C-alpha atoms as a PDB file:
ATOM      1  CA  MET A   1       1.706 -17.480   7.002  1.00  0.00           C
ATOM      2  CA  ASP A   2       5.047 -16.232   5.914  1.00  0.00           C
ATOM      3  CA  ALA A   3       6.094 -16.130   2.248  1.00  0.00           C
ATOM      4  CA  THR A   4       8.700 -14.355   0.124  1.00  0.00           C
ATOM      5  CA  GLY A   5       8.447 -13.429  -3.561  1.00  0.00           C
ATOM      6  CA  VAL A   6       5.329 -12.428  -5.318  1.00  0.00           C
ATOM      7  CA  TYR A   7       1.905 -14.098  -4.671  1.00  0.00           C
ATOM      8  CA  SER A   8      -1.664 -13.198  -5.197  1.00  0.00           C
ATOM      9  CA  LYS A   9      -4.139 -12.757  -2.267  1.00  0.00           C
ATOM     10  CA  GLY A  10      -7.225 -10.863  -1.200  1.00  0.00           C
ATOM     11  CA  GLY A  11      -5.471  -8.683   1.234  1.00  0.00           C
ATOM     12  CA  GLY A  12      -2.871  -8.658   3.919  1.00  0.00           C
ATOM     13  CA  GLU A  13       0.542  -7.027   4.538  1.00  0.00           C
ATOM     14  CA  PHE A  14       4.062  -6.840   3.190  1.00  0.00           C
ATOM     15  CA  ILE A  15       7.258  -7.509   5.052  1.00  0.00           C
ATOM     16  CA  ILE A  16      10.471  -6.395   3.407  1.00  0.00           C
ATOM     17  CA  ASP A  17      14.015  -5.885   4.655  1.00  0.00           C
ATOM     18  CA  HIS A  18      14.131  -2.335   6.109  1.00  0.00           C
ATOM     19  CA  PRO A  19      15.453   0.076   3.492  1.00  0.00           C
ATOM     20  CA  ASP A  20      17.563   1.935   6.148  1.00  0.00           C
ATOM     21  CA  ASP A  21      18.896  -1.231   7.865  1.00  0.00           C
ATOM     22  CA  PRO A  22      18.267  -4.228   5.694  1.00  0.00           C
ATOM     23  CA  GLU A  23      20.791  -6.427   7.647  1.00  0.00           C
ATOM     24  CA  ASN A  24      19.072  -5.944  10.962  1.00  0.00           C
ATOM     25  CA  MET A  25      15.390  -4.904  10.606  1.00  0.00           C
ATOM     26  CA  TYR A  26      12.153  -5.653   8.759  1.00  0.00           C
ATOM     27  CA  LEU A  27       9.619  -3.068   7.668  1.00  0.00           C
ATOM     28  CA  ILE A  28       5.961  -4.240   7.943  1.00  0.00           C
ATOM     29  CA  HIS A  29       3.081  -2.492   6.233  1.00  0.00           C
ATOM     30  CA  SER A  30      -0.596  -3.347   5.659  1.00  0.00           C
ATOM     31  CA  ASP A  31      -1.488  -3.584   1.955  1.00  0.00           C
ATOM     32  CA  VAL A  32      -3.549  -0.908   0.170  1.00  0.00           C
ATOM     33  CA  SER A  33      -5.237  -1.747  -3.088  1.00  0.00           C
ATOM     34  CA  SER A  34      -3.947   0.339  -5.879  1.00  0.00           C
ATOM     35  CA  PRO A  35      -2.511  -0.119  -9.345  1.00  0.00           C
ATOM     36  CA  ASP A  36       0.696   1.303  -7.919  1.00  0.00           C
ATOM     37  CA  MET A  37       2.882  -0.149  -5.129  1.00  0.00           C
ATOM     38  CA  MET A  38       1.761   2.624  -2.946  1.00  0.00           C
ATOM     39  CA  ASN A  39       2.209   3.560   0.693  1.00  0.00           C
ATOM     40  CA  ILE A  40      -0.154   5.892   2.598  1.00  0.00           C
ATOM     41  CA  TYR A  41       0.689   8.002   5.581  1.00  0.00           C
ATOM     42  CA  ASN A  42      -1.826  10.275   7.366  1.00  0.00           C
ATOM     43  CA  GLY A  43      -2.471  12.179  10.518  1.00  0.00           C
ATOM     44  CA  ASN A  44      -3.726  15.469  12.062  1.00  0.00           C
ATOM     45  CA  VAL A  45      -1.876  18.599  13.002  1.00  0.00           C
ATOM     46  CA  THR A  46      -2.848  22.014  14.364  1.00  0.00           C
ATOM     47  CA  THR A  47      -1.054  25.049  12.988  1.00  0.00           C
ATOM     48  CA  ASP A  48       0.556  27.572  15.439  1.00  0.00           C
ATOM     49  CA  ALA A  49      -0.220  31.321  16.014  1.00  0.00           C
ATOM     50  CA  ASP A  50       1.348  32.056  12.588  1.00  0.00           C
ATOM     51  CA  GLY A  51      -0.574  29.259  10.790  1.00  0.00           C
ATOM     52  CA  ASN A  52       2.487  26.996  10.386  1.00  0.00           C
ATOM     53  CA  ALA A  53       2.853  23.315  11.128  1.00  0.00           C
ATOM     54  CA  ALA A  54       5.551  20.772  10.501  1.00  0.00           C
ATOM     55  CA  VAL A  55       4.836  17.100   9.933  1.00  0.00           C
ATOM     56  CA  ASP A  56       7.430  14.575  10.633  1.00  0.00           C
ATOM     57  CA  LEU A  57       7.286  11.347   8.656  1.00  0.00           C
ATOM     58  CA  PRO A  58       8.905   8.051   9.678  1.00  0.00           C
ATOM     59  CA  ASN A  59      12.655   8.139   9.399  1.00  0.00           C
ATOM     60  CA  TYR A  60      12.544   5.622   6.446  1.00  0.00           C
ATOM     61  CA  PHE A  61       9.971   7.666   4.449  1.00  0.00           C
ATOM     62  CA  GLU A  62      12.184   8.961   1.724  1.00  0.00           C
ATOM     63  CA  SER A  63      14.293   5.749   1.473  1.00  0.00           C
ATOM     64  CA  LEU A  64      11.189   3.703   0.756  1.00  0.00           C
ATOM     65  CA  ASN A  65       8.987   6.143  -1.368  1.00  0.00           C
ATOM     66  CA  SER A  66       9.140   8.507  -4.291  1.00  0.00           C
ATOM     67  CA  ASP A  67       6.521  10.345  -6.424  1.00  0.00           C
ATOM     68  CA  PHE A  68       4.799  12.011  -3.439  1.00  0.00           C
ATOM     69  CA  ARG A  69       1.118  13.160  -3.482  1.00  0.00           C
ATOM     70  CA  TYR A  70      -0.422  15.349  -0.768  1.00  0.00           C
ATOM     71  CA  GLN A  71      -4.003  15.852   0.473  1.00  0.00           C
ATOM     72  CA  LEU A  72      -5.058  18.375   3.011  1.00  0.00           C
ATOM     73  CA  THR A  73      -8.463  18.895   4.694  1.00  0.00           C
ATOM     74  CA  VAL A  74      -9.216  21.734   7.094  1.00  0.00           C
ATOM     75  CA  MET A  75     -11.333  20.845  10.080  1.00  0.00           C
ATOM     76  CA  GLY A  76     -13.603  22.831  12.349  1.00  0.00           C
ATOM     77  CA  THR A  77     -13.322  26.234  10.619  1.00  0.00           C
ATOM     78  CA  PHE A  78     -13.228  27.777   7.190  1.00  0.00           C
ATOM     79  CA  ALA A  79      -9.606  28.300   6.301  1.00  0.00           C
ATOM     80  CA  GLN A  80      -7.125  27.791   3.460  1.00  0.00           C
ATOM     81  CA  ALA A  81      -4.259  25.336   3.801  1.00  0.00           C
ATOM     82  CA  ILE A  82      -1.279  24.652   1.551  1.00  0.00           C
ATOM     83  CA  ILE A  83       1.821  22.594   1.572  1.00  0.00           C
ATOM     84  CA  SER A  84       4.321  25.410   2.222  1.00  0.00           C
ATOM     85  CA  GLU A  85       7.368  23.113   2.027  1.00  0.00           C
ATOM     86  CA  LYS A  86       7.462  19.775   0.151  1.00  0.00           C
ATOM     87  CA  ILE A  87       8.904  16.605   1.765  1.00  0.00           C
ATOM     88  CA  LYS A  88      12.685  16.965   2.561  1.00  0.00           C
ATOM     89  CA  ASP A  89      14.515  15.016   5.209  1.00  0.00           C
ATOM     90  CA  ASN A  90      11.252  13.118   5.914  1.00  0.00           C
ATOM     91  CA  ARG A  91       9.342  16.258   6.918  1.00  0.00           C
ATOM     92  CA  PHE A  92       6.978  18.646   5.207  1.00  0.00           C
ATOM     93  CA  SER A  93       5.286  21.901   6.277  1.00  0.00           C
ATOM     94  CA  ILE A  94       1.702  23.221   6.068  1.00  0.00           C
ATOM     95  CA  LYS A  95       0.579  26.782   6.150  1.00  0.00           C
ATOM     96  CA  THR A  96      -3.008  28.029   6.870  1.00  0.00           C
ATOM     97  CA  ASP A  97      -4.346  31.513   6.404  1.00  0.00           C
ATOM     98  CA  LYS A  98      -5.606  31.464  10.031  1.00  0.00           C
ATOM     99  CA  PRO A  99      -3.888  30.508  13.233  1.00  0.00           C
ATOM    100  CA  PHE A 100      -4.511  27.336  15.279  1.00  0.00           C
ATOM    101  CA  VAL A 101      -6.360  25.454  12.480  1.00  0.00           C
ATOM    102  CA  GLU A 102      -6.539  21.687  12.647  1.00  0.00           C
ATOM    103  CA  VAL A 103      -5.614  20.011   9.310  1.00  0.00           C
ATOM    104  CA  SER A 104      -6.031  16.399   8.430  1.00  0.00           C
ATOM    105  CA  TRP A 105      -3.258  15.434   6.024  1.00  0.00           C
ATOM    106  CA  GLN A 106      -2.486  12.338   3.830  1.00  0.00           C
ATOM    107  CA  VAL A 107       0.699  11.765   1.787  1.00  0.00           C
ATOM    108  CA  THR A 108       1.181   8.846  -0.529  1.00  0.00           C
ATOM    109  CA  GLY A 109       4.393   7.550  -2.097  1.00  0.00           C
ATOM    110  CA  ILE A 110       5.260   4.957  -4.704  1.00  0.00           C
ATOM    111  CA  ARG A 111       7.561   2.232  -3.280  1.00  0.00           C
ATOM    112  CA  LYS A 112      11.128   2.421  -4.553  1.00  0.00           C
ATOM    113  CA  ASP A 113      12.718  -0.251  -2.371  1.00  0.00           C
ATOM    114  CA  ALA A 114      14.708  -2.945  -4.169  1.00  0.00           C
ATOM    115  CA  PHE A 115      11.855  -5.516  -4.050  1.00  0.00           C
ATOM    116  CA  ALA A 116       9.266  -3.058  -5.484  1.00  0.00           C
ATOM    117  CA  VAL A 117      11.665  -1.899  -8.257  1.00  0.00           C
ATOM    118  CA  ASN A 118      12.412  -5.469  -9.310  1.00  0.00           C
ATOM    119  CA  MET A 119       8.962  -6.941  -8.928  1.00  0.00           C
ATOM    120  CA  ARG A 120       6.605  -4.406 -10.615  1.00  0.00           C
ATOM    121  CA  LYS A 121       3.682  -6.178 -12.099  1.00  0.00           C
ATOM    122  CA  SER A 122       1.361  -5.126 -15.016  1.00  0.00           C
ATOM    123  CA  VAL A 123      -1.963  -4.004 -13.680  1.00  0.00           C
ATOM    124  CA  GLU A 124      -4.190  -6.072 -16.120  1.00  0.00           C
ATOM    125  CA  GLU A 125      -3.540  -9.384 -17.744  1.00  0.00           C
ATOM    126  CA  TYR A 126      -5.659 -11.992 -19.460  1.00  0.00           C
ATOM    127  CA  LYS A 127      -6.422 -15.234 -17.755  1.00  0.00           C
ATOM    128  CA  SER A 128      -4.580 -18.295 -19.004  1.00  0.00           C
ATOM    129  CA  ASP A 129      -6.602 -20.528 -21.413  1.00  0.00           C
ATOM    130  CA  ASP A 130      -7.136 -22.938 -18.496  1.00  0.00           C
ATOM    131  CA  GLU A 131      -8.484 -20.203 -16.213  1.00  0.00           C
ATOM    132  CA  ARG A 132     -10.842 -18.532 -18.655  1.00  0.00           C
ATOM    133  CA  GLY A 133     -14.420 -18.991 -17.518  1.00  0.00           C
ATOM    134  CA  LEU A 134     -13.398 -19.678 -13.976  1.00  0.00           C
ATOM    135  CA  TYR A 135     -13.193 -17.433 -10.912  1.00  0.00           C
ATOM    136  CA  ARG A 136     -10.991 -17.015  -7.921  1.00  0.00           C
ATOM    137  CA  ASN A 137     -14.150 -16.653  -5.811  1.00  0.00           C
ATOM    138  CA  PRO A 138     -16.940 -18.195  -7.934  1.00  0.00           C
ATOM    139  CA  GLU A 139     -19.380 -17.934  -4.979  1.00  0.00           C
ATOM    140  CA  LEU A 140     -19.311 -14.159  -5.352  1.00  0.00           C
ATOM    141  CA  PHE A 141     -20.609 -14.507  -8.907  1.00  0.00           C
ATOM    142  CA  GLY A 142     -23.244 -17.054  -8.136  1.00  0.00           C
ATOM    143  CA  PHE A 143     -21.275 -20.136  -9.049  1.00  0.00           C
ATOM    144  CA  GLY A 144     -20.150 -23.232  -7.067  1.00  0.00           C
ATOM    145  CA  MET A 145     -16.638 -24.560  -6.725  1.00  0.00           C
ATOM    146  CA  GLU A 146     -16.883 -26.250 -10.092  1.00  0.00           C
ATOM    147  CA  LYS A 147     -16.090 -22.791 -11.434  1.00  0.00           C
ATOM    148  CA  SER A 148     -13.072 -22.190  -9.211  1.00  0.00           C
ATOM    149  CA  THR A 149      -9.627 -21.577 -10.438  1.00  0.00           C
ATOM    150  CA  ASN A 150      -8.559 -23.700  -7.420  1.00  0.00           C
ATOM    151  CA  LYS A 151      -9.472 -26.836  -9.339  1.00  0.00           C
ATOM    152  CA  ILE A 152      -6.735 -26.010 -11.828  1.00  0.00           C
ATOM    153  CA  ASN A 153      -4.265 -24.626  -9.290  1.00  0.00           C
ATOM    154  CA  HIS A 154      -4.730 -27.743  -7.095  1.00  0.00           C
ATOM    155  CA  GLN A 155      -5.295 -30.308  -9.995  1.00  0.00           C
ATOM    156  CA  ASP A 156      -2.040 -32.126  -8.835  1.00  0.00           C
ATOM    157  CA  LEU A 157      -3.610 -32.778  -5.417  1.00  0.00           C
ATOM    158  CA  GLN A 158      -6.838 -33.986  -7.062  1.00  0.00           C
ATOM    159  CA  ASP A 159      -4.901 -36.370  -9.281  1.00  0.00           C
ATOM    160  CA  HIS A 160      -2.805 -37.476  -6.316  1.00  0.00           C
ATOM    161  CA  PRO A 161      -4.741 -37.155  -3.142  1.00  0.00           C
ATOM    162  CA  GLU A 162      -1.973 -38.783  -1.036  1.00  0.00           C
ATOM    163  CA  ARG A 163       0.129 -35.614  -1.597  1.00  0.00           C
ATOM    164  CA  SER A 164      -2.376 -33.508   0.312  1.00  0.00           C
ATOM    165  CA  GLU A 165      -1.661 -35.449   3.473  1.00  0.00           C
ATOM    166  CA  GLU A 166       2.161 -34.868   3.275  1.00  0.00           C
END
Protein backbone atom coordinates (compact mmCIF):
# COMPACT_ATOMS: atom_id res chain seq x y z
CA MET A 1 0.00 0.00 0.00
CA ASP A 2 1.25 3.46 -0.82
CA ALA A 3 -0.34 6.55 0.66
CA THR A 4 0.57 10.17 1.16
CA GLY A 5 -0.51 12.53 3.89
CA VAL A 6 -1.34 11.56 7.45
CA TYR A 7 -3.19 8.38 8.35
CA SER A 8 -3.50 6.15 11.40
CA LYS A 9 -2.24 2.58 11.50
CA GLY A 10 -0.90 -0.05 13.85
CA GLY A 11 2.64 0.04 12.47
CA GLY A 12 4.67 0.33 9.33
CA GLU A 13 7.09 2.70 7.68
CA PHE A 14 7.35 6.18 6.33
CA ILE A 15 8.49 7.23 2.89
CA ILE A 16 9.36 10.88 2.31
CA ASP A 17 11.21 12.88 -0.29
CA HIS A 18 14.88 12.62 0.66
CA PRO A 19 15.91 15.77 2.59
CA ASP A 20 19.24 15.97 0.72
CA ASP A 21 17.87 15.20 -2.76
CA PRO A 22 14.07 15.55 -2.76
CA GLU A 23 13.82 15.70 -6.54
CA ASN A 24 15.52 12.35 -7.14
CA MET A 25 15.35 10.17 -4.03
CA TYR A 26 13.09 8.83 -1.29
CA LEU A 27 14.08 8.15 2.30
CA ILE A 28 12.41 5.06 3.79
CA HIS A 29 12.38 4.30 7.54
CA SER A 30 10.46 1.91 9.77
CA ASP A 31 8.12 3.50 12.28
CA VAL A 32 8.96 3.74 15.96
CA SER A 33 6.18 4.36 18.47
CA SER A 34 6.81 7.58 20.35
CA PRO A 35 4.95 10.76 21.15
CA ASP A 36 7.65 12.46 19.06
CA MET A 37 8.34 12.04 15.36
CA MET A 38 11.60 10.35 16.31
CA ASN A 39 14.27 8.46 14.41
CA ILE A 40 16.59 5.95 16.09
CA TYR A 41 20.08 5.00 14.95
CA ASN A 42 22.32 2.47 16.70
CA GLY A 43 25.38 0.31 16.41
CA ASN A 44 28.53 -0.98 18.09
CA VAL A 45 32.03 0.44 17.93
CA THR A 46 35.34 -0.49 19.55
CA THR A 47 37.62 2.24 20.82
CA ASP A 48 41.27 2.37 19.75
CA ALA A 49 44.46 2.14 21.88
CA ASP A 50 43.78 5.67 23.19
CA GLY A 51 40.13 4.89 24.03
CA ASN A 52 38.73 6.90 21.08
CA ALA A 53 36.15 5.96 18.49
CA ALA A 54 34.29 7.95 15.85
CA VAL A 55 30.81 7.04 14.69
CA ASP A 56 29.69 8.05 11.22
CA LEU A 57 25.96 8.53 10.80
CA PRO A 58 24.08 8.49 7.48
CA ASN A 59 24.89 11.49 5.30
CA TYR A 60 21.30 12.75 5.66
CA PHE A 61 21.28 12.56 9.48
CA GLU A 62 21.52 16.26 10.32
CA SER A 63 19.27 17.25 7.40
CA LEU A 64 16.53 15.01 8.78
CA ASN A 65 16.97 15.32 12.57
CA SER A 66 17.41 17.75 15.47
CA ASP A 67 17.33 17.59 19.28
CA PHE A 68 19.75 14.66 19.53
CA ARG A 69 19.87 12.21 22.46
CA TYR A 70 22.69 9.77 23.13
CA GLN A 71 22.89 6.40 24.93
CA LEU A 72 26.08 4.41 25.51
CA THR A 73 26.53 0.92 26.96
CA VAL A 74 29.97 -0.55 27.59
CA MET A 75 30.20 -4.26 26.79
CA GLY A 76 32.53 -6.97 28.03
CA THR A 77 34.53 -4.99 30.58
CA PHE A 78 34.08 -2.44 33.33
CA ALA A 79 34.88 0.92 31.79
CA GLN A 80 33.53 4.42 31.55
CA ALA A 81 32.38 5.88 28.26
CA ILE A 82 31.38 9.41 27.30
CA ILE A 83 30.37 11.32 24.20
CA SER A 84 33.59 13.26 23.68
CA GLU A 85 32.29 15.21 20.66
CA LYS A 86 28.63 15.81 19.92
CA ILE A 87 27.19 15.31 16.45
CA LYS A 88 28.72 17.58 13.84
CA ASP A 89 28.89 16.85 10.12
CA ASN A 90 26.95 13.60 10.69
CA ARG A 91 29.58 12.20 13.06
CA PHE A 92 30.16 11.98 16.81
CA SER A 93 32.99 10.67 18.98
CA ILE A 94 33.17 8.37 21.99
CA LYS A 95 35.92 8.23 24.61
CA THR A 96 36.48 5.38 27.07
CA ASP A 97 38.84 5.34 30.04
CA LYS A 98 40.37 2.07 28.80
CA PRO A 99 41.58 1.01 25.33
CA PHE A 100 39.81 -1.41 23.00
CA VAL A 101 36.42 -1.22 24.68
CA GLU A 102 33.34 -2.28 22.74
CA VAL A 103 30.58 0.29 23.11
CA SER A 104 26.99 -0.10 22.01
CA TRP A 105 25.55 3.30 21.06
CA GLN A 106 22.15 4.72 20.27
CA VAL A 107 21.29 8.19 18.99
CA THR A 108 17.80 9.56 18.53
CA GLY A 109 16.69 12.65 16.68
CA ILE A 110 13.41 14.44 16.23
CA ARG A 111 12.41 14.70 12.58
CA LYS A 112 12.72 18.19 11.13
CA ASP A 113 11.99 17.47 7.47
CA ALA A 114 9.31 19.53 5.75
CA PHE A 115 6.62 16.87 6.17
CA ALA A 116 7.26 16.42 9.91
CA VAL A 117 7.37 20.16 10.61
CA ASN A 118 4.08 20.77 8.81
CA MET A 119 2.22 17.67 10.02
CA ARG A 120 2.91 17.51 13.77
CA LYS A 121 -0.01 15.95 15.62
CA SER A 122 -1.19 16.28 19.18
CA VAL A 123 -0.33 13.20 21.22
CA GLU A 124 -3.70 12.77 22.93
CA GLU A 125 -7.15 13.60 21.68
CA TYR A 126 -10.70 12.72 22.62
CA LYS A 127 -12.70 10.41 20.41
CA SER A 128 -15.50 12.01 18.43
CA ASP A 129 -19.01 11.62 19.80
CA ASP A 130 -19.65 8.92 17.17
CA GLU A 131 -16.53 6.97 18.21
CA ARG A 132 -16.93 7.08 22.00
CA GLY A 133 -17.56 3.62 23.41
CA LEU A 134 -16.08 2.02 20.29
CA TYR A 135 -12.61 0.58 19.67
CA ARG A 136 -10.18 0.34 16.80
CA ASN A 137 -9.53 -3.28 17.81
CA PRO A 138 -12.54 -4.32 19.92
CA GLU A 139 -11.42 -7.98 20.05
CA LEU A 140 -8.43 -6.90 22.18
CA PHE A 141 -10.87 -5.61 24.80
CA GLY A 142 -13.17 -8.64 24.72
CA PHE A 143 -15.78 -7.19 22.35
CA GLY A 144 -17.05 -8.18 18.93
CA MET A 145 -17.12 -6.11 15.75
CA GLU A 146 -20.30 -4.38 16.91
CA LYS A 147 -17.95 -2.24 19.06
CA SER A 148 -15.62 -1.42 16.15
CA THR A 149 -14.95 2.11 14.93
CA ASN A 150 -14.94 0.51 11.47
CA LYS A 151 -18.71 0.43 11.52
CA ILE A 152 -18.64 4.24 11.62
CA ASN A 153 -15.67 4.72 9.30
CA HIS A 154 -17.29 2.41 6.73
CA GLN A 155 -20.94 3.35 7.31
CA ASP A 156 -21.13 4.65 3.75
CA LEU A 157 -20.25 1.17 2.43
CA GLN A 158 -22.81 -0.43 4.73
CA ASP A 159 -25.50 1.98 3.51
CA HIS A 160 -24.46 1.43 -0.12
CA PRO A 161 -22.97 -2.08 -0.48
CA GLU A 162 -22.67 -1.67 -4.24
CA ARG A 163 -19.82 0.83 -3.62
CA SER A 164 -17.65 -1.80 -1.96
CA GLU A 165 -17.50 -3.67 -5.26
CA GLU A 166 -16.26 -0.67 -7.26
